[in-house]
PDB file of N, CA and C in Angstrom:
ATOM      1  N   UNK A   1      64.472  91.795-220.001  1.00  0.00           N
ATOM      2  CA  UNK A   1      63.189  92.477-220.095  1.00  0.00           C
ATOM      3  C   UNK A   1      63.228  93.604-221.128  1.00  0.00           C
ATOM      4  N   UNK A   2      63.915  93.366-222.223  1.00  0.00           N
ATOM      5  CA  UNK A   2      63.982  94.389-223.255  1.00  0.00           C
ATOM      6  C   UNK A   2      62.614  94.621-223.882  1.00  0.00           C
ATOM      7  N   UNK A   3      61.848  93.560-224.078  1.00  0.00           N
ATOM      8  CA  UNK A   3      60.509  93.684-224.643  1.00  0.00           C
ATOM      9  C   UNK A   3      59.531  92.953-223.730  1.00  0.00           C
ATOM     10  N   UNK A   4      59.011  93.653-222.718  1.00  0.00           N
ATOM     11  CA  UNK A   4      58.128  92.982-221.764  1.00  0.00           C
ATOM     12  C   UNK A   4      56.850  92.438-222.394  1.00  0.00           C
ATOM     13  N   UNK A   5      56.420  93.024-223.510  1.00  0.00           N
ATOM     14  CA  UNK A   5      55.207  92.534-224.168  1.00  0.00           C
ATOM     15  C   UNK A   5      55.372  91.093-224.634  1.00  0.00           C
ATOM     16  N   UNK A   6      56.584  90.734-225.001  1.00  0.00           N
ATOM     17  CA  UNK A   6      56.840  89.385-225.501  1.00  0.00           C
ATOM     18  C   UNK A   6      56.715  88.330-224.403  1.00  0.00           C
ATOM     19  N   UNK A   7      56.847  88.740-223.149  1.00  0.00           N
ATOM     20  CA  UNK A   7      56.785  87.768-222.055  1.00  0.00           C
ATOM     21  C   UNK A   7      55.404  87.685-221.414  1.00  0.00           C
ATOM     22  N   UNK A   8      54.466  88.499-221.883  1.00  0.00           N
ATOM     23  CA  UNK A   8      53.120  88.518-221.302  1.00  0.00           C
ATOM     24  C   UNK A   8      52.112  87.908-222.267  1.00  0.00           C
ATOM     25  N   UNK A   9      51.196  87.113-221.731  1.00  0.00           N
ATOM     26  CA  UNK A   9      50.142  86.484-222.529  1.00  0.00           C
ATOM     27  C   UNK A   9      49.057  87.529-222.809  1.00  0.00           C
ATOM     28  N   UNK A  10      48.777  87.832-224.074  1.00  0.00           N
ATOM     29  CA  UNK A  10      47.820  88.894-224.392  1.00  0.00           C
ATOM     30  C   UNK A  10      46.362  88.585-224.045  1.00  0.00           C
ATOM     31  N   UNK A  11      46.027  87.319-223.807  1.00  0.00           N
ATOM     32  CA  UNK A  11      44.631  86.968-223.528  1.00  0.00           C
ATOM     33  C   UNK A  11      44.384  86.623-222.060  1.00  0.00           C
ATOM     34  N   UNK A  12      45.385  86.836-221.218  1.00  0.00           N
ATOM     35  CA  UNK A  12      45.256  86.538-219.793  1.00  0.00           C
ATOM     36  C   UNK A  12      45.484  87.827-218.999  1.00  0.00           C
ATOM     37  N   UNK A  13      44.676  88.028-217.960  1.00  0.00           N
ATOM     38  CA  UNK A  13      44.851  89.238-217.156  1.00  0.00           C
ATOM     39  C   UNK A  13      46.210  89.219-216.462  1.00  0.00           C
ATOM     40  N   UNK A  14      46.655  90.405-216.105  1.00  0.00           N
ATOM     41  CA  UNK A  14      47.930  90.554-215.405  1.00  0.00           C
ATOM     42  C   UNK A  14      47.898  89.776-214.088  1.00  0.00           C
ATOM     43  N   UNK A  15      46.801  89.898-213.360  1.00  0.00           N
ATOM     44  CA  UNK A  15      46.682  89.204-212.085  1.00  0.00           C
ATOM     45  C   UNK A  15      46.811  87.701-212.235  1.00  0.00           C
ATOM     46  N   UNK A  16      46.154  87.155-213.241  1.00  0.00           N
ATOM     47  CA  UNK A  16      46.211  85.704-213.439  1.00  0.00           C
ATOM     48  C   UNK A  16      47.614  85.260-213.824  1.00  0.00           C
ATOM     49  N   UNK A  17      48.302  86.058-214.630  1.00  0.00           N
ATOM     50  CA  UNK A  17      49.652  85.685-215.051  1.00  0.00           C
ATOM     51  C   UNK A  17      50.620  85.642-213.872  1.00  0.00           C
ATOM     52  N   UNK A  18      50.568  86.659-213.022  1.00  0.00           N
ATOM     53  CA  UNK A  18      51.473  86.688-211.869  1.00  0.00           C
ATOM     54  C   UNK A  18      51.059  85.625-210.856  1.00  0.00           C
ATOM     55  N   UNK A  19      49.755  85.484-210.636  1.00  0.00           N
ATOM     56  CA  UNK A  19      49.265  84.483-209.682  1.00  0.00           C
ATOM     57  C   UNK A  19      49.642  83.075-210.129  1.00  0.00           C
ATOM     58  N   UNK A  20      49.607  82.825-211.423  1.00  0.00           N
ATOM     59  CA  UNK A  20      49.958  81.502-211.941  1.00  0.00           C
ATOM     60  C   UNK A  20      51.424  81.168-211.646  1.00  0.00           C
ATOM     61  N   UNK A  21      52.291  82.161-211.776  1.00  0.00           N
ATOM     62  CA  UNK A  21      53.709  81.946-211.459  1.00  0.00           C
ATOM     63  C   UNK A  21      53.864  81.608-209.979  1.00  0.00           C
ATOM     64  N   UNK A  22      53.224  82.402-209.121  1.00  0.00           N
ATOM     65  CA  UNK A  22      53.321  82.171-207.675  1.00  0.00           C
ATOM     66  C   UNK A  22      52.733  80.808-207.305  1.00  0.00           C
ATOM     67  N   UNK A  23      51.626  80.470-207.918  1.00  0.00           N
ATOM     68  CA  UNK A  23      50.970  79.193-207.617  1.00  0.00           C
ATOM     69  C   UNK A  23      51.847  78.016-208.033  1.00  0.00           C
ATOM     70  N   UNK A  24      52.426  78.109-209.201  1.00  0.00           N
ATOM     71  CA  UNK A  24      53.256  77.026-209.723  1.00  0.00           C
ATOM     72  C   UNK A  24      54.547  76.845-208.928  1.00  0.00           C
ATOM     73  N   UNK A  25      55.228  77.942-208.650  1.00  0.00           N
ATOM     74  CA  UNK A  25      56.551  77.851-208.029  1.00  0.00           C
ATOM     75  C   UNK A  25      56.526  77.816-206.509  1.00  0.00           C
ATOM     76  N   UNK A  26      55.490  78.383-205.906  1.00  0.00           N
ATOM     77  CA  UNK A  26      55.450  78.443-204.446  1.00  0.00           C
ATOM     78  C   UNK A  26      54.405  77.511-203.841  1.00  0.00           C
ATOM     79  N   UNK A  27      53.582  76.893-204.691  1.00  0.00           N
ATOM     80  CA  UNK A  27      52.572  75.960-204.201  1.00  0.00           C
ATOM     81  C   UNK A  27      51.436  76.623-203.443  1.00  0.00           C
ATOM     82  N   UNK A  28      51.111  77.859-203.797  1.00  0.00           N
ATOM     83  CA  UNK A  28      50.045  78.591-203.121  1.00  0.00           C
ATOM     84  C   UNK A  28      48.690  78.258-203.732  1.00  0.00           C
ATOM     85  N   UNK A  29      47.617  78.538-202.994  1.00  0.00           N
ATOM     86  CA  UNK A  29      46.269  78.429-203.553  1.00  0.00           C
ATOM     87  C   UNK A  29      46.058  79.626-204.481  1.00  0.00           C
ATOM     88  N   UNK A  30      44.981  79.579-205.273  1.00  0.00           N
ATOM     89  CA  UNK A  30      44.696  80.714-206.157  1.00  0.00           C
ATOM     90  C   UNK A  30      44.473  81.981-205.346  1.00  0.00           C
ATOM     91  N   UNK A  31      43.758  81.872-204.249  1.00  0.00           N
ATOM     92  CA  UNK A  31      43.497  83.044-203.410  1.00  0.00           C
ATOM     93  C   UNK A  31      44.799  83.631-202.870  1.00  0.00           C
ATOM     94  N   UNK A  32      45.653  82.772-202.353  1.00  0.00           N
ATOM     95  CA  UNK A  32      46.948  83.230-201.842  1.00  0.00           C
ATOM     96  C   UNK A  32      47.798  83.815-202.970  1.00  0.00           C
ATOM     97  N   UNK A  33      47.698  83.218-204.144  1.00  0.00           N
ATOM     98  CA  UNK A  33      48.480  83.682-205.289  1.00  0.00           C
ATOM     99  C   UNK A  33      48.066  85.076-205.722  1.00  0.00           C
ATOM    100  N   UNK A  34      46.750  85.356-205.718  1.00  0.00           N
ATOM    101  CA  UNK A  34      46.289  86.692-206.092  1.00  0.00           C
ATOM    102  C   UNK A  34      46.708  87.730-205.057  1.00  0.00           C
ATOM    103  N   UNK A  35      46.686  87.354-203.787  1.00  0.00           N
ATOM    104  CA  UNK A  35      47.157  88.253-202.736  1.00  0.00           C
ATOM    105  C   UNK A  35      48.637  88.548-202.937  1.00  0.00           C
ATOM    106  N   UNK A  36      49.407  87.515-203.260  1.00  0.00           N
ATOM    107  CA  UNK A  36      50.839  87.675-203.527  1.00  0.00           C
ATOM    108  C   UNK A  36      51.049  88.552-204.758  1.00  0.00           C
ATOM    109  N   UNK A  37      50.240  88.360-205.796  1.00  0.00           N
ATOM    110  CA  UNK A  37      50.357  89.153-207.016  1.00  0.00           C
ATOM    111  C   UNK A  37      50.136  90.632-206.722  1.00  0.00           C
ATOM    112  N   UNK A  38      49.108  90.940-205.935  1.00  0.00           N
ATOM    113  CA  UNK A  38      48.846  92.336-205.584  1.00  0.00           C
ATOM    114  C   UNK A  38      50.014  92.914-204.798  1.00  0.00           C
ATOM    115  N   UNK A  39      50.530  92.149-203.864  1.00  0.00           N
ATOM    116  CA  UNK A  39      51.671  92.586-203.066  1.00  0.00           C
ATOM    117  C   UNK A  39      52.888  92.867-203.949  1.00  0.00           C
ATOM    118  N   UNK A  40      53.118  92.019-204.927  1.00  0.00           N
ATOM    119  CA  UNK A  40      54.258  92.214-205.825  1.00  0.00           C
ATOM    120  C   UNK A  40      54.083  93.445-206.706  1.00  0.00           C
ATOM    121  N   UNK A  41      52.860  93.689-207.165  1.00  0.00           N
ATOM    122  CA  UNK A  41      52.618  94.890-207.968  1.00  0.00           C
ATOM    123  C   UNK A  41      52.835  96.149-207.134  1.00  0.00           C
ATOM    124  N   UNK A  42      52.465  96.089-205.863  1.00  0.00           N
ATOM    125  CA  UNK A  42      52.740  97.213-204.965  1.00  0.00           C
ATOM    126  C   UNK A  42      54.247  97.368-204.766  1.00  0.00           C
ATOM    127  N   UNK A  43      54.931  96.246-204.645  1.00  0.00           N
ATOM    128  CA  UNK A  43      56.381  96.255-204.410  1.00  0.00           C
ATOM    129  C   UNK A  43      57.156  96.875-205.573  1.00  0.00           C
ATOM    130  N   UNK A  44      56.694  96.639-206.804  1.00  0.00           N
ATOM    131  CA  UNK A  44      57.356  97.239-207.971  1.00  0.00           C
ATOM    132  C   UNK A  44      56.781  98.619-208.290  1.00  0.00           C
ATOM    133  N   UNK A  45      55.957  99.107-207.381  1.00  0.00           N
ATOM    134  CA  UNK A  45      55.381 100.459-207.443  1.00  0.00           C
ATOM    135  C   UNK A  45      54.545 100.715-208.703  1.00  0.00           C
ATOM    136  N   UNK A  46      53.744  99.726-209.059  1.00  0.00           N
ATOM    137  CA  UNK A  46      52.811  99.905-210.164  1.00  0.00           C
ATOM    138  C   UNK A  46      51.619 100.693-209.648  1.00  0.00           C
ATOM    139  N   UNK A  47      51.269 101.794-210.296  1.00  0.00           N
ATOM    140  CA  UNK A  47      50.124 102.577-209.828  1.00  0.00           C
ATOM    141  C   UNK A  47      48.826 101.766-209.912  1.00  0.00           C
ATOM    142  N   UNK A  48      47.996 101.892-208.917  1.00  0.00           N
ATOM    143  CA  UNK A  48      46.687 101.241-208.854  1.00  0.00           C
ATOM    144  C   UNK A  48      46.764  99.731-209.125  1.00  0.00           C
ATOM    145  N   UNK A  49      47.392  98.992-208.213  1.00  0.00           N
ATOM    146  CA  UNK A  49      47.553  97.549-208.418  1.00  0.00           C
ATOM    147  C   UNK A  49      46.238  96.787-208.563  1.00  0.00           C
ATOM    148  N   UNK A  50      45.170  97.267-207.915  1.00  0.00           N
ATOM    149  CA  UNK A  50      43.878  96.579-208.035  1.00  0.00           C
ATOM    150  C   UNK A  50      43.385  96.584-209.475  1.00  0.00           C
ATOM    151  N   UNK A  51      43.485  97.725-210.141  1.00  0.00           N
ATOM    152  CA  UNK A  51      43.074  97.809-211.544  1.00  0.00           C
ATOM    153  C   UNK A  51      44.008  97.002-212.437  1.00  0.00           C
ATOM    154  N   UNK A  52      45.292  97.053-212.118  1.00  0.00           N
ATOM    155  CA  UNK A  52      46.275  96.330-212.929  1.00  0.00           C
ATOM    156  C   UNK A  52      46.032  94.826-212.885  1.00  0.00           C
ATOM    157  N   UNK A  53      45.590  94.308-211.742  1.00  0.00           N
ATOM    158  CA  UNK A  53      45.308  92.874-211.640  1.00  0.00           C
ATOM    159  C   UNK A  53      44.239  92.440-212.639  1.00  0.00           C
ATOM    160  N   UNK A  54      43.288  93.319-212.919  1.00  0.00           N
ATOM    161  CA  UNK A  54      42.177  92.994-213.822  1.00  0.00           C
ATOM    162  C   UNK A  54      42.457  93.388-215.275  1.00  0.00           C
ATOM    163  N   UNK A  55      43.584  94.069-215.507  1.00  0.00           N
ATOM    164  CA  UNK A  55      43.903  94.574-216.843  1.00  0.00           C
ATOM    165  C   UNK A  55      44.569  93.499-217.702  1.00  0.00           C
ATOM    166  N   UNK A  56      44.474  93.705-219.004  1.00  0.00           N
ATOM    167  CA  UNK A  56      45.179  92.872-219.967  1.00  0.00           C
ATOM    168  C   UNK A  56      46.431  93.631-220.407  1.00  0.00           C
ATOM    169  N   UNK A  57      47.447  92.943-220.883  1.00  0.00           N
ATOM    170  CA  UNK A  57      48.697  93.619-221.241  1.00  0.00           C
ATOM    171  C   UNK A  57      48.530  94.809-222.184  1.00  0.00           C
ATOM    172  N   UNK A  58      47.629  94.713-223.158  1.00  0.00           N
ATOM    173  CA  UNK A  58      47.482  95.818-224.112  1.00  0.00           C
ATOM    174  C   UNK A  58      46.924  97.087-223.464  1.00  0.00           C
ATOM    175  N   UNK A  59      46.406  96.970-222.251  1.00  0.00           N
ATOM    176  CA  UNK A  59      45.844  98.122-221.555  1.00  0.00           C
ATOM    177  C   UNK A  59      46.884  98.869-220.720  1.00  0.00           C
ATOM    178  N   UNK A  60      48.106  98.371-220.685  1.00  0.00           N
ATOM    179  CA  UNK A  60      49.161  98.986-219.889  1.00  0.00           C
ATOM    180  C   UNK A  60      50.203  99.646-220.787  1.00  0.00           C
ATOM    181  N   UNK A  61      50.897 100.637-220.230  1.00  0.00           N
ATOM    182  CA  UNK A  61      51.986 101.286-220.961  1.00  0.00           C
ATOM    183  C   UNK A  61      53.209 100.372-220.970  1.00  0.00           C
ATOM    184  N   UNK A  62      54.190 100.734-221.761  1.00  0.00           N
ATOM    185  CA  UNK A  62      55.414  99.942-221.825  1.00  0.00           C
ATOM    186  C   UNK A  62      56.117  99.844-220.484  1.00  0.00           C
ATOM    187  N   UNK A  63      56.179 100.949-219.760  1.00  0.00           N
ATOM    188  CA  UNK A  63      56.814 100.950-218.443  1.00  0.00           C
ATOM    189  C   UNK A  63      56.060 100.096-217.441  1.00  0.00           C
ATOM    190  N   UNK A  64      54.738 100.132-217.523  1.00  0.00           N
ATOM    191  CA  UNK A  64      53.924  99.305-216.627  1.00  0.00           C
ATOM    192  C   UNK A  64      54.121  97.821-216.946  1.00  0.00           C
ATOM    193  N   UNK A  65      54.200  97.493-218.231  1.00  0.00           N
ATOM    194  CA  UNK A  65      54.439  96.095-218.622  1.00  0.00           C
ATOM    195  C   UNK A  65      55.789  95.616-218.097  1.00  0.00           C
ATOM    196  N   UNK A  66      56.771  96.501-218.112  1.00  0.00           N
ATOM    197  CA  UNK A  66      58.089  96.124-217.611  1.00  0.00           C
ATOM    198  C   UNK A  66      58.025  95.822-216.118  1.00  0.00           C
ATOM    199  N   UNK A  67      57.271  96.623-215.374  1.00  0.00           N
ATOM    200  CA  UNK A  67      57.109  96.383-213.939  1.00  0.00           C
ATOM    201  C   UNK A  67      56.369  95.066-213.683  1.00  0.00           C
ATOM    202  N   UNK A  68      55.379  94.782-214.514  1.00  0.00           N
ATOM    203  CA  UNK A  68      54.643  93.518-214.392  1.00  0.00           C
ATOM    204  C   UNK A  68      55.581  92.336-214.643  1.00  0.00           C
ATOM    205  N   UNK A  69      56.424  92.447-215.661  1.00  0.00           N
ATOM    206  CA  UNK A  69      57.372  91.372-215.964  1.00  0.00           C
ATOM    207  C   UNK A  69      58.333  91.150-214.796  1.00  0.00           C
ATOM    208  N   UNK A  70      58.756  92.225-214.157  1.00  0.00           N
ATOM    209  CA  UNK A  70      59.635  92.111-212.990  1.00  0.00           C
ATOM    210  C   UNK A  70      58.887  91.433-211.848  1.00  0.00           C
ATOM    211  N   UNK A  71      57.635  91.843-211.623  1.00  0.00           N
ATOM    212  CA  UNK A  71      56.829  91.231-210.561  1.00  0.00           C
ATOM    213  C   UNK A  71      56.653  89.737-210.813  1.00  0.00           C
ATOM    214  N   UNK A  72      56.403  89.361-212.056  1.00  0.00           N
ATOM    215  CA  UNK A  72      56.238  87.939-212.386  1.00  0.00           C
ATOM    216  C   UNK A  72      57.538  87.171-212.149  1.00  0.00           C
ATOM    217  N   UNK A  73      58.659  87.803-212.456  1.00  0.00           N
ATOM    218  CA  UNK A  73      59.950  87.138-212.259  1.00  0.00           C
ATOM    219  C   UNK A  73      60.235  86.901-210.780  1.00  0.00           C
ATOM    220  N   UNK A  74      59.926  87.883-209.938  1.00  0.00           N
ATOM    221  CA  UNK A  74      60.213  87.701-208.512  1.00  0.00           C
ATOM    222  C   UNK A  74      59.128  86.879-207.812  1.00  0.00           C
ATOM    223  N   UNK A  75      58.005  86.657-208.484  1.00  0.00           N
ATOM    224  CA  UNK A  75      56.941  85.827-207.904  1.00  0.00           C
ATOM    225  C   UNK A  75      57.393  84.382-207.744  1.00  0.00           C
ATOM    226  N   UNK A  76      58.346  83.972-208.554  1.00  0.00           N
ATOM    227  CA  UNK A  76      58.834  82.596-208.498  1.00  0.00           C
ATOM    228  C   UNK A  76      59.717  82.348-207.283  1.00  0.00           C
ATOM    229  N   UNK A  77      60.131  83.394-206.624  1.00  0.00           N
ATOM    230  CA  UNK A  77      61.002  83.242-205.461  1.00  0.00           C
ATOM    231  C   UNK A  77      62.454  83.118-205.883  1.00  0.00           C
ATOM    232  N   UNK A  78      63.354  83.026-204.909  1.00  0.00           N
ATOM    233  CA  UNK A  78      64.790  82.975-205.228  1.00  0.00           C
ATOM    234  C   UNK A  78      65.202  81.662-205.889  1.00  0.00           C
TER     235      UNK A  78
END
């Protein structure tokens, strides 16, 4: 995670990116995936996870992007 910007899609919201990982790897519905995404953002202690779900990568700081990348990585499960 040296450059978290490189791992994030610039035209997709943070919520959709994390939810897509959870949906693909865990077989969840979109609704369940978004709930999981919010939970993961809370788990990595991202401030205001509700806003972050609707944000695009360019709207976040470098540290926030790093937390998002970590959340996306753990969304896939062990």
